[in-house]
Amino acid sequence: MSKQILRELPELISKNVITEEIAQNIKNYYQNKPNESPNRLFVIFGIIGALLGGLGVILILAHNWDGFSVATKTTISFIPLLLGQTACFYTLLKKSDSQTWRESSAAFLLFAIAATISLTAQVYNLPDNFDGFLLTWIILALPLIYIINSSFVSLLTIAGITWYYCVVNYGYPKAQEWYHWGLLLFILPHYYYLLKNNPKSNFTRFHHWFFVAALLIMLPSVSYKSNTFTIIGFSALLSIFYFIGKINFFNQLNQFRNAYWLIGKIGILLLIFIFSFKDLWEEIQGKTENIFGLDSIIYSALAVIAVSFLINQIKKENLSVINPIAFGFILFALLYFFRNKTETYALAAFANIFILLTGIYEIKKGADSDNIYKLNMGLSTITLLIICRFFDTEMSFVVRGLLFLVIGIGFFAMNYYLIKKRSHDKK
């Protein structure tokens, strides 16, 4: 961006937009401005180089592996770990200010830990225990996040914790394990550090996505057994994400980089799409849940937080301009709690009406604000709604074909109108 501004300075001076003095001040500002973010390519290639180097060391050590004695194998097993620790120690002493060195050495040591655990287990023929391996690897890797200040290790650890949960806890096991929540909490201080000191860095933005994914995937672990109330927990969490994404700190991000807002918005819409089929309501009708269980209490707390966010949003904005998505959780909660007293077709009808209103809102908002993304979001929502009804309604192929034809013409016409409007406004 700074190079582009500097290139445009002569033109701005020639057209008397700015003076020579102002132009010189701008040049001085960008020339003296410290480079706040390191070269991204150096960091990326440094990490890749560390990973490839670690793999190379392992492959070299694997040569003639079967011919070594147990003592030799044990010694060799710790070589990758020693190399990684040496690289990290050198980084702390000589290159602590270099993000490239920090991320590369930490990445090497991270995978060296895994290699040492695996090789040692192979040497002594330890029982195959993948979840134990994952847990040990994660626990040994966690200190690297703070010792080396490595965001790459932090991201991989979040992914590892989520993976560990899926291996151990998915599908409502007989005995719950909560290790993954404690491990995830251990990473929060580093996430807070990134939010405070490097809010616009790519590592910070990736942390948004990884944390959102981890929380959504691991949410069912609070239930000891299958509980339909989990649906309320999911919808509340998605609503919370949506409102977090609306906070000024996140709202200034590009829409596709705002993980909280994007996942919250799309997630709520998809959840209501799923329950726009009456068959889904039939499956959960009549089922009861233990409202005094720990899981129901947690889901209820999430619901209270979601409602609090909504009330705050209503206080700040006019009710008529708030996106219907903001009310998605309230609608879903009402439908859920009255599911046993309402016909399934009525429950599905309310969900369909909400989706239709959301699509119309997005189309109108896109046309009014000259935003092609919002316009196509609305058109896509209505199109997907019609496709869903394609499978569970008795319509002739002629009627269905005409509907898709009208939608296709609508897509073209609305986008053409918006592009023409943009061209006209630029003149």
Protein backbone atom coordinates (compact mmCIF):
# COMPACT_ATOMS: atom_id res chain seq x y z
CA MET A 1 0.00 0.00 0.00
CA SER A 2 2.82 2.44 0.90
CA LYS A 3 4.57 1.88 -2.46
CA GLN A 4 1.33 2.60 -4.30
CA ILE A 5 0.85 5.86 -2.37
CA LEU A 6 4.43 6.95 -3.11
CA ARG A 7 3.94 6.26 -6.84
CA GLU A 8 0.84 8.47 -6.90
CA LEU A 9 2.48 11.45 -5.17
CA PRO A 10 3.78 13.14 -8.39
CA GLU A 11 0.30 13.02 -9.93
CA LEU A 12 -1.27 14.46 -6.78
CA ILE A 13 1.28 17.30 -6.79
CA SER A 14 0.73 18.08 -10.49
CA LYS A 15 -3.04 18.33 -9.95
CA ASN A 16 -2.55 20.57 -6.88
CA VAL A 17 -4.22 18.04 -4.58
CA ILE A 18 -1.28 18.24 -2.16
CA THR A 19 1.75 20.50 -1.86
CA GLU A 20 5.42 19.60 -2.25
CA GLU A 21 5.87 19.93 1.50
CA ILE A 22 3.04 17.49 2.29
CA ALA A 23 4.39 15.05 -0.32
CA GLN A 24 7.83 15.18 1.29
CA ASN A 25 6.31 14.59 4.73
CA ILE A 26 4.48 11.52 3.39
CA LYS A 27 7.75 10.19 1.89
CA ASN A 28 9.60 10.74 5.15
CA TYR A 29 6.85 8.99 7.10
CA TYR A 30 6.95 5.80 5.01
CA GLN A 31 10.76 5.79 4.75
CA ASN A 32 11.21 6.07 8.52
CA LYS A 33 8.29 3.83 9.43
CA PRO A 34 9.57 0.62 11.06
CA ASN A 35 8.75 -2.64 9.39
CA GLU A 36 6.16 -3.94 11.85
CA SER A 37 5.61 -7.26 10.13
CA PRO A 38 8.40 -9.50 8.83
CA ASN A 39 8.50 -10.70 5.28
CA ARG A 40 5.76 -13.28 5.09
CA LEU A 41 7.60 -15.34 2.51
CA PHE A 42 10.62 -15.69 4.80
CA VAL A 43 8.39 -16.97 7.62
CA ILE A 44 6.52 -19.39 5.35
CA PHE A 45 9.64 -20.75 3.67
CA GLY A 46 11.40 -20.92 7.03
CA ILE A 47 8.65 -23.13 8.45
CA ILE A 48 8.55 -25.30 5.33
CA GLY A 49 12.34 -25.61 5.39
CA ALA A 50 12.27 -26.67 9.04
CA LEU A 51 9.64 -29.32 8.34
CA LEU A 52 11.51 -30.69 5.32
CA GLY A 53 14.78 -30.66 7.25
CA GLY A 54 13.19 -32.59 10.10
CA LEU A 55 11.78 -35.13 7.67
CA GLY A 56 15.20 -35.49 6.06
CA VAL A 57 16.86 -36.18 9.41
CA ILE A 58 14.27 -38.84 10.23
CA LEU A 59 14.70 -40.54 6.84
CA ILE A 60 18.50 -40.56 7.20
CA LEU A 61 18.23 -42.10 10.65
CA ALA A 62 15.77 -44.68 9.36
CA HIS A 63 18.43 -46.08 6.99
CA ASN A 64 19.50 -49.54 8.16
CA TRP A 65 17.35 -49.05 11.27
CA ASP A 66 16.88 -52.76 11.85
CA GLY A 67 20.62 -53.32 11.99
CA PHE A 68 21.15 -51.13 15.07
CA SER A 69 21.20 -52.30 18.66
CA VAL A 70 18.53 -51.17 21.13
CA ALA A 71 20.95 -48.72 22.78
CA THR A 72 21.91 -47.24 19.40
CA LYS A 73 18.27 -46.96 18.36
CA THR A 74 17.43 -45.20 21.63
CA THR A 75 20.28 -42.75 21.14
CA ILE A 76 19.27 -42.07 17.53
CA SER A 77 15.65 -41.57 18.59
CA PHE A 78 16.65 -38.53 20.64
CA ILE A 79 18.81 -36.92 17.94
CA PRO A 80 15.91 -35.03 16.27
CA LEU A 81 14.85 -33.75 19.70
CA LEU A 82 18.38 -32.57 20.53
CA LEU A 83 18.71 -30.85 17.15
CA GLY A 84 15.38 -29.08 17.65
CA GLN A 85 16.29 -27.98 21.17
CA THR A 86 19.67 -26.71 19.95
CA ALA A 87 17.96 -24.67 17.20
CA CYS A 88 15.50 -23.19 19.72
CA PHE A 89 18.28 -22.43 22.22
CA TYR A 90 20.27 -20.62 19.52
CA THR A 91 17.14 -18.69 18.52
CA LEU A 92 16.53 -17.55 22.09
CA LEU A 93 20.14 -16.42 22.49
CA LYS A 94 20.87 -14.85 19.09
CA LYS A 95 17.67 -14.50 17.03
CA SER A 96 14.88 -13.86 19.52
CA ASP A 97 13.70 -10.80 17.54
CA SER A 98 13.38 -12.78 14.29
CA GLN A 99 9.94 -14.26 13.73
CA THR A 100 11.34 -16.43 10.94
CA TRP A 101 13.85 -18.05 13.29
CA ARG A 102 11.32 -18.43 16.10
CA GLU A 103 8.65 -20.07 13.96
CA SER A 104 11.12 -22.28 12.04
CA SER A 105 12.99 -23.61 15.08
CA ALA A 106 9.76 -24.14 17.01
CA ALA A 107 8.20 -26.01 14.06
CA PHE A 108 11.27 -28.25 13.81
CA LEU A 109 11.20 -29.03 17.54
CA LEU A 110 7.43 -29.63 17.46
CA PHE A 111 7.77 -32.43 14.94
CA ALA A 112 11.01 -33.65 16.52
CA ILE A 113 9.01 -34.31 19.71
CA ALA A 114 6.57 -36.45 17.74
CA ALA A 115 9.41 -38.29 16.01
CA THR A 116 11.18 -39.05 19.31
CA ILE A 117 7.99 -40.34 20.94
CA SER A 118 7.21 -42.55 17.94
CA LEU A 119 10.74 -43.91 17.56
CA THR A 120 11.08 -44.66 21.28
CA ALA A 121 7.75 -46.47 21.30
CA GLN A 122 8.87 -48.51 18.29
CA VAL A 123 12.22 -49.41 19.85
CA TYR A 124 10.64 -50.75 23.06
CA ASN A 125 7.53 -52.19 21.35
CA LEU A 126 5.14 -50.12 23.47
CA PRO A 127 1.39 -50.81 22.98
CA ASP A 128 -0.28 -48.86 20.20
CA ASN A 129 -2.10 -45.97 21.89
CA PHE A 130 -2.74 -43.15 19.43
CA ASP A 131 -4.77 -40.95 21.77
CA GLY A 132 -2.03 -41.28 24.41
CA PHE A 133 0.57 -40.32 21.80
CA LEU A 134 -1.47 -37.25 20.80
CA LEU A 135 -1.98 -36.13 24.40
CA THR A 136 1.72 -36.54 25.25
CA TRP A 137 2.77 -34.66 22.11
CA ILE A 138 0.38 -31.78 22.84
CA ILE A 139 1.44 -31.44 26.49
CA LEU A 140 5.15 -31.41 25.56
CA ALA A 141 4.54 -28.92 22.73
CA LEU A 142 2.44 -26.40 24.70
CA PRO A 143 5.40 -24.71 26.49
CA LEU A 144 6.96 -23.91 23.09
CA ILE A 145 4.16 -21.42 22.45
CA TYR A 146 5.42 -19.20 25.27
CA ILE A 147 9.13 -20.08 25.44
CA ILE A 148 9.70 -19.38 21.74
CA ASN A 149 6.61 -17.19 21.24
CA SER A 150 5.52 -19.33 18.30
CA SER A 151 2.11 -18.76 16.71
CA PHE A 152 2.63 -21.64 14.27
CA VAL A 153 2.99 -24.09 17.16
CA SER A 154 -0.09 -22.51 18.74
CA LEU A 155 -2.16 -23.15 15.60
CA LEU A 156 -0.97 -26.75 15.26
CA THR A 157 -1.62 -27.35 18.95
CA ILE A 158 -5.23 -26.12 18.59
CA ALA A 159 -5.61 -28.51 15.66
CA GLY A 160 -4.01 -31.31 17.72
CA ILE A 161 -6.33 -30.70 20.68
CA THR A 162 -9.34 -30.83 18.37
CA TRP A 163 -8.00 -34.02 16.81
CA TYR A 164 -7.44 -35.54 20.25
CA TYR A 165 -11.02 -34.74 21.21
CA CYS A 166 -12.35 -36.40 18.04
CA VAL A 167 -10.30 -39.53 18.72
CA VAL A 168 -11.22 -39.86 22.40
CA ASN A 169 -14.49 -38.13 23.07
CA TYR A 170 -16.64 -38.03 19.96
CA GLY A 171 -19.90 -39.97 20.02
CA TYR A 172 -20.82 -39.63 23.70
CA PRO A 173 -18.42 -42.08 25.38
CA LYS A 174 -19.13 -43.94 28.61
CA ALA A 175 -16.60 -41.88 30.53
CA GLN A 176 -16.12 -38.23 29.72
CA GLU A 177 -12.70 -36.66 29.42
CA TRP A 178 -12.27 -32.92 29.73
CA TYR A 179 -8.53 -32.64 29.11
CA HIS A 180 -9.09 -30.88 25.80
CA TRP A 181 -10.83 -27.89 27.43
CA GLY A 182 -7.97 -27.36 29.86
CA LEU A 183 -5.43 -27.65 27.04
CA LEU A 184 -7.37 -25.14 24.95
CA LEU A 185 -7.52 -22.69 27.86
CA PHE A 186 -3.73 -22.90 28.11
CA ILE A 187 -3.48 -21.31 24.63
CA LEU A 188 -5.83 -18.40 25.36
CA PRO A 189 -3.10 -16.09 26.80
CA HIS A 190 -1.16 -16.35 23.54
CA TYR A 191 -4.33 -15.65 21.55
CA TYR A 192 -4.96 -12.59 23.71
CA TYR A 193 -1.36 -11.46 23.13
CA LEU A 194 -1.89 -11.70 19.36
CA LEU A 195 -5.19 -9.80 19.54
CA LYS A 196 -3.55 -7.02 21.52
CA ASN A 197 -0.19 -6.72 19.73
CA ASN A 198 -0.72 -8.10 16.21
CA PRO A 199 -4.47 -7.87 15.50
CA LYS A 200 -4.06 -7.74 11.72
CA SER A 201 -1.39 -10.41 11.26
CA ASN A 202 -2.17 -13.58 9.34
CA PHE A 203 -1.33 -15.72 12.37
CA THR A 204 -3.98 -13.84 14.38
CA ARG A 205 -6.59 -14.30 11.65
CA PHE A 206 -5.83 -18.00 11.44
CA HIS A 207 -6.29 -18.22 15.22
CA HIS A 208 -9.82 -16.82 14.80
CA TRP A 209 -10.69 -19.65 12.40
CA PHE A 210 -8.99 -22.38 14.44
CA PHE A 211 -10.65 -21.35 17.70
CA VAL A 212 -14.09 -21.09 16.10
CA ALA A 213 -13.70 -24.55 14.53
CA ALA A 214 -12.37 -26.08 17.76
CA LEU A 215 -15.22 -24.72 19.89
CA LEU A 216 -17.89 -25.90 17.47
CA ILE A 217 -16.40 -29.38 17.07
CA MET A 218 -15.79 -29.90 20.80
CA LEU A 219 -19.08 -28.47 22.11
CA PRO A 220 -20.89 -31.89 22.28
CA SER A 221 -18.26 -33.11 24.76
CA VAL A 222 -20.13 -31.39 27.59
CA SER A 223 -22.95 -33.95 27.14
CA TYR A 224 -22.51 -37.28 28.88
CA LYS A 225 -24.95 -38.89 26.48
CA SER A 226 -27.12 -37.90 23.54
CA ASN A 227 -29.13 -34.80 24.39
CA THR A 228 -31.42 -32.97 21.95
CA PHE A 229 -30.74 -29.81 23.96
CA THR A 230 -27.31 -29.80 22.30
CA ILE A 231 -29.07 -28.21 19.31
CA ILE A 232 -29.83 -25.15 21.45
CA GLY A 233 -26.18 -25.06 22.51
CA PHE A 234 -25.01 -25.08 18.90
CA SER A 235 -27.46 -22.38 17.82
CA ALA A 236 -26.55 -20.21 20.84
CA LEU A 237 -22.82 -20.58 20.19
CA LEU A 238 -23.26 -19.68 16.52
CA SER A 239 -25.28 -16.64 17.53
CA ILE A 240 -22.55 -15.59 19.97
CA PHE A 241 -19.98 -15.93 17.17
CA TYR A 242 -22.14 -13.75 14.93
CA PHE A 243 -22.39 -10.97 17.51
CA ILE A 244 -18.67 -11.17 18.40
CA GLY A 245 -17.97 -10.65 14.71
CA LYS A 246 -20.10 -7.50 14.84
CA ILE A 247 -17.88 -5.94 17.53
CA ASN A 248 -15.84 -3.04 16.13
CA PHE A 249 -12.56 -4.88 16.69
CA PHE A 250 -13.62 -7.68 14.30
CA ASN A 251 -16.10 -5.74 12.17
CA GLN A 252 -13.27 -3.74 10.61
CA LEU A 253 -11.84 -6.94 9.10
CA ASN A 254 -12.61 -8.02 5.58
CA GLN A 255 -15.83 -10.07 5.63
CA PHE A 256 -14.04 -13.24 4.54
CA ARG A 257 -11.40 -12.80 7.25
CA ASN A 258 -13.91 -12.22 10.03
CA ALA A 259 -14.24 -15.86 11.09
CA TYR A 260 -16.63 -15.20 13.96
CA TRP A 261 -19.12 -13.20 11.91
CA LEU A 262 -18.93 -15.42 8.81
CA ILE A 263 -19.18 -18.78 10.60
CA GLY A 264 -21.89 -17.43 12.89
CA LYS A 265 -23.98 -16.08 10.03
CA ILE A 266 -23.63 -19.06 7.71
CA GLY A 267 -23.91 -21.53 10.60
CA ILE A 268 -27.21 -20.11 11.88
CA LEU A 269 -28.63 -20.06 8.36
CA LEU A 270 -27.54 -23.65 7.66
CA LEU A 271 -28.97 -24.87 10.97
CA ILE A 272 -32.36 -23.37 10.15
CA PHE A 273 -32.09 -24.78 6.61
CA ILE A 274 -31.59 -28.25 8.12
CA PHE A 275 -34.70 -27.84 10.26
CA SER A 276 -36.76 -26.48 7.40
CA PHE A 277 -37.47 -30.18 6.68
CA LYS A 278 -40.37 -31.48 8.77
CA ASP A 279 -38.72 -34.92 9.02
CA LEU A 280 -36.06 -33.48 11.32
CA TRP A 281 -38.72 -32.13 13.69
CA GLU A 282 -40.42 -35.54 13.71
CA GLU A 283 -37.17 -37.12 14.92
CA ILE A 284 -36.83 -34.89 17.99
CA GLN A 285 -40.51 -34.56 18.84
CA GLY A 286 -41.39 -36.37 22.06
CA LYS A 287 -37.77 -36.63 23.18
CA THR A 288 -37.04 -35.18 26.60
CA GLU A 289 -33.81 -33.96 28.15
CA ASN A 290 -32.47 -33.57 31.66
CA ILE A 291 -32.61 -29.80 32.08
CA PHE A 292 -30.70 -30.03 35.38
CA GLY A 293 -27.71 -31.82 33.90
CA LEU A 294 -24.36 -30.04 33.61
CA ASP A 295 -24.59 -30.02 29.81
CA SER A 296 -28.05 -28.39 29.81
CA ILE A 297 -26.81 -25.78 32.30
CA ILE A 298 -23.88 -24.95 30.00
CA TYR A 299 -26.15 -24.73 26.95
CA SER A 300 -28.55 -22.51 28.91
CA ALA A 301 -25.66 -20.22 29.86
CA LEU A 302 -24.71 -19.93 26.20
CA ALA A 303 -28.36 -19.09 25.41
CA VAL A 304 -28.37 -16.31 28.03
CA ILE A 305 -25.18 -14.84 26.57
CA ALA A 306 -26.65 -14.95 23.05
CA VAL A 307 -29.83 -13.17 24.19
CA SER A 308 -27.73 -10.54 26.01
CA PHE A 309 -25.81 -9.84 22.81
CA LEU A 310 -29.09 -9.49 20.90
CA ILE A 311 -30.54 -7.04 23.44
CA ASN A 312 -27.37 -4.97 23.25
CA GLN A 313 -27.59 -4.98 19.44
CA ILE A 314 -31.22 -3.81 19.55
CA LYS A 315 -30.22 -0.95 21.88
CA LYS A 316 -27.52 0.20 19.46
CA GLU A 317 -29.44 -0.13 16.17
CA ASN A 318 -32.92 0.45 14.86
CA LEU A 319 -34.90 -2.78 14.90
CA SER A 320 -35.79 -2.41 11.21
CA VAL A 321 -32.15 -2.42 10.04
CA ILE A 322 -30.96 -5.45 12.03
CA ASN A 323 -30.27 -8.52 9.92
CA PRO A 324 -32.87 -11.28 10.55
CA ILE A 325 -29.92 -13.61 11.20
CA ALA A 326 -29.54 -11.84 14.56
CA PHE A 327 -32.93 -13.26 15.56
CA GLY A 328 -32.17 -16.74 14.23
CA PHE A 329 -31.34 -18.18 17.65
CA ILE A 330 -34.55 -16.78 19.22
CA LEU A 331 -36.66 -18.29 16.44
CA PHE A 332 -34.93 -21.64 16.69
CA ALA A 333 -35.22 -21.72 20.49
CA LEU A 334 -38.97 -20.97 20.33
CA LEU A 335 -39.54 -23.66 17.71
CA TYR A 336 -37.54 -26.15 19.77
CA PHE A 337 -39.38 -25.52 23.03
CA PHE A 338 -42.82 -25.64 21.38
CA ARG A 339 -41.99 -28.60 19.14
CA ASN A 340 -44.19 -31.02 21.09
CA LYS A 341 -47.21 -28.73 20.93
CA THR A 342 -46.91 -27.75 17.26
CA GLU A 343 -47.42 -29.68 14.06
CA THR A 344 -44.19 -30.54 12.26
CA TYR A 345 -45.32 -28.85 9.04
CA ALA A 346 -45.92 -25.61 10.99
CA LEU A 347 -42.43 -25.79 12.56
CA ALA A 348 -40.89 -26.30 9.12
CA ALA A 349 -43.05 -23.51 7.68
CA PHE A 350 -41.75 -20.99 10.24
CA ALA A 351 -38.18 -21.99 9.38
CA ASN A 352 -38.90 -21.55 5.66
CA ILE A 353 -40.47 -18.12 6.19
CA PHE A 354 -37.45 -17.00 8.21
CA ILE A 355 -35.06 -18.14 5.45
CA LEU A 356 -37.15 -16.35 2.82
CA LEU A 357 -37.18 -13.10 4.83
CA THR A 358 -33.41 -13.36 5.34
CA GLY A 359 -32.88 -13.77 1.59
CA ILE A 360 -35.12 -10.78 0.80
CA TYR A 361 -33.31 -8.68 3.40
CA GLU A 362 -29.89 -9.53 1.93
CA ILE A 363 -31.09 -8.71 -1.61
CA LYS A 364 -32.52 -5.34 -0.52
CA LYS A 365 -29.46 -4.52 1.57
CA GLY A 366 -27.17 -5.42 -1.33
CA ALA A 367 -29.12 -3.30 -3.81
CA ASP A 368 -29.32 -0.31 -1.44
CA SER A 369 -25.66 -0.40 -0.41
CA ASP A 370 -24.32 -1.31 -3.87
CA ASN A 371 -22.86 -4.53 -2.42
CA ILE A 372 -22.71 -7.43 -4.88
CA TYR A 373 -21.72 -9.86 -2.11
CA LYS A 374 -24.90 -9.18 -0.10
CA LEU A 375 -27.02 -9.24 -3.24
CA ASN A 376 -25.73 -12.65 -4.29
CA MET A 377 -25.92 -13.89 -0.71
CA GLY A 378 -29.64 -13.14 -0.73
CA LEU A 379 -30.20 -14.67 -4.14
CA SER A 380 -28.24 -17.79 -3.16
CA THR A 381 -30.27 -18.14 0.05
CA ILE A 382 -33.58 -18.08 -1.83
CA THR A 383 -32.18 -20.43 -4.50
CA LEU A 384 -31.05 -22.94 -1.88
CA LEU A 385 -34.45 -22.69 -0.21
CA ILE A 386 -36.18 -23.58 -3.47
CA ILE A 387 -33.73 -26.45 -4.06
CA CYS A 388 -34.55 -27.83 -0.59
CA ARG A 389 -38.26 -27.66 -1.31
CA PHE A 390 -37.54 -29.36 -4.63
CA PHE A 391 -37.03 -32.62 -2.74
CA ASP A 392 -39.95 -32.60 -0.31
CA THR A 393 -42.84 -31.08 -2.26
CA GLU A 394 -45.05 -32.46 -4.99
CA MET A 395 -44.34 -30.14 -7.91
CA SER A 396 -44.25 -31.06 -11.57
CA PHE A 397 -40.95 -30.88 -13.41
CA VAL A 398 -42.36 -28.05 -15.54
CA VAL A 399 -43.06 -25.91 -12.47
CA ARG A 400 -39.66 -26.72 -11.01
CA GLY A 401 -37.97 -25.89 -14.29
CA LEU A 402 -39.80 -22.56 -14.51
CA LEU A 403 -38.74 -21.70 -10.94
CA PHE A 404 -35.06 -22.31 -11.69
CA LEU A 405 -35.40 -20.35 -14.94
CA VAL A 406 -36.86 -17.39 -13.06
CA ILE A 407 -34.10 -17.58 -10.45
CA GLY A 408 -31.40 -17.68 -13.15
CA ILE A 409 -32.89 -14.63 -14.85
CA GLY A 410 -33.12 -12.94 -11.44
CA PHE A 411 -29.42 -13.58 -10.73
CA PHE A 412 -28.43 -12.08 -14.06
CA ALA A 413 -30.83 -9.13 -13.88
CA MET A 414 -29.95 -8.08 -10.32
CA ASN A 415 -26.19 -8.31 -10.89
CA TYR A 416 -26.52 -6.45 -14.19
CA TYR A 417 -28.55 -3.74 -12.45
CA LEU A 418 -25.95 -3.33 -9.70
CA ILE A 419 -23.02 -3.22 -12.13
CA LYS A 420 -24.82 -0.61 -14.27
CA LYS A 421 -25.60 1.38 -11.14
CA ARG A 422 -21.92 1.35 -10.16
CA SER A 423 -20.88 2.50 -13.64
CA HIS A 424 -23.44 5.32 -13.53
CA ASP A 425 -22.30 6.49 -10.07
CA LYS A 426 -18.67 6.70 -11.23
CA LYS A 427 -19.54 9.10 -14.05
